[in-house]
Amino acid sequence: MDSKLQFARTKNPQLLISEAVKAIPPSGIREFFDIVYSMPDCISLGVGEPDFITPWRIAEMGMYAIKDGYTHYTPNRGLPELCDLISTELEKTTGTRYSPSEEIIVTMGVSQGLDIALRSIVNPGDEVIIPQPCYVSYGANVTLLGGKPIYIPTTAGEEFKLNIDRLRAAITRRTKAILLNYPSNPTGTTLPKSLLEDIATLAEKYNFIIISDEIYSSLCYDAKHWSIISIPAIKDRVIYLNGFSKSHAMTGWRLGYVAAPKYLIDMMLKIHQYTALCASSIAQYAALEALKNSHKDVEKMVNEYRKRRNYIVNRFRSIGLPCLMPEGAFYVFPDVSPTGLDGRKFALELLRTQKVAVVPGDVFGECGKNHIRCSYATSMENINEAMKRIEIFCSERIK
């Protein structure tokens, strides 16, 4: 036997699993809904997915792509025509132009966009600041790279808006980036222009990257969304993420995009080439139609979401649960502490006794422990019935 192979080593293959993977918990949302799927007659306010089907004209374009044989690899960056349309749309909505041939990559959803964005900048030990409550995958993505997520809590009293002094205090020599998500999942809050400008000032002063996940940017209700990429002076340090899942009801098509300065896109493109090659050609052809001719479809969905938002917020308030009016996305984040329960106990008891599924707020961060997340991306009929059951549940607990 080769003497070089004479070393003590356990024969248990389970000990070969990545330490980084072992360090992250399972998705709090998916873990909870494993229970839900086993319950018949359950009304779900939990899944963050539009209940609308993909507009027909978009779906038809995807079918034509299959019929006409457009089922091959596309360029790594994405279809040139799609990159052109994305560039045009961004310039129209934010005032900032990105070169379609050098500063845009079409990805397999925003999730892949976030992955390659973080992989392009994070080294082991680097810190990424993340305001909480936040989407469940953010911290896990940083941890998988050997980075350290630094969470900044926000509160309902602050309307879940980032506190600039808290951000300043969290910055260290190891700070590599801040990860923003506005409109927010789970709170639906947005940030005003003045606060985004303050964040931009800190990014320049302390030399860190801003990653801005704006997947819900098309779903704003009372005011137009204001993007941080509208600040021209910091374009060279912003990675912008967006996609088609929420705005065009295309979750299953798995299509997003990244816009960033060339020096960052060049790094992300290398990762994309080795790990994904390209996004689905069929989804990309469907997205051409989404950007060309589906703005009215988006408007109809936003108008319907607005009606649902107003209804569900008013119902929670009438029951006695404080609930902020979300400015965007399709979630409410009510405070359930008047019932004497925290969010997790409330969610489990509500599911057991009333068969209504909501998401415990603590899966989005410790500061959400007295809250639940409810999605109003479901029919008014479902929302109305769910709120009747929630009212019955709360009437037995709120004195």
Foldseek 3Di string as FASTA:
>chain_A
DPPVPPDDDDPDCVVVDDPLVVPDDPQLLVVVCVVLVVDPPFQEQADQFFPDAFPPLLVVLLVVCVVVVVFDFDFQQAPLLLLVLVQVVCCVQQVDGFDSVFFKRKFLALVLVVLLLCVLFDAAAAEEEEEPLARLCVQSSQSSRNYGYHYDYDAVVNVSDDDLVSVVVRDDLRHAEYEEEPVGVPALAHDDPVVLVSVLVVCVVNVHAYEYEDQFQLQFDDDHHHDSVSPVVRQQRYKYKYFCCHQRSPVVLRIIMIGGDRVSVVSSSVVSCVPPSGRGSSSSSSVSCCSPPCPVVSVVVSVVLVVLLVVLQVLCVVLPWHWDRRRTRFKIKTFQCLLVAWQVVLQVVLCVPVSYHWRQLCSSHPNSRRITIGGSSDDPVSSVSSSVSVSVVSVVRRD
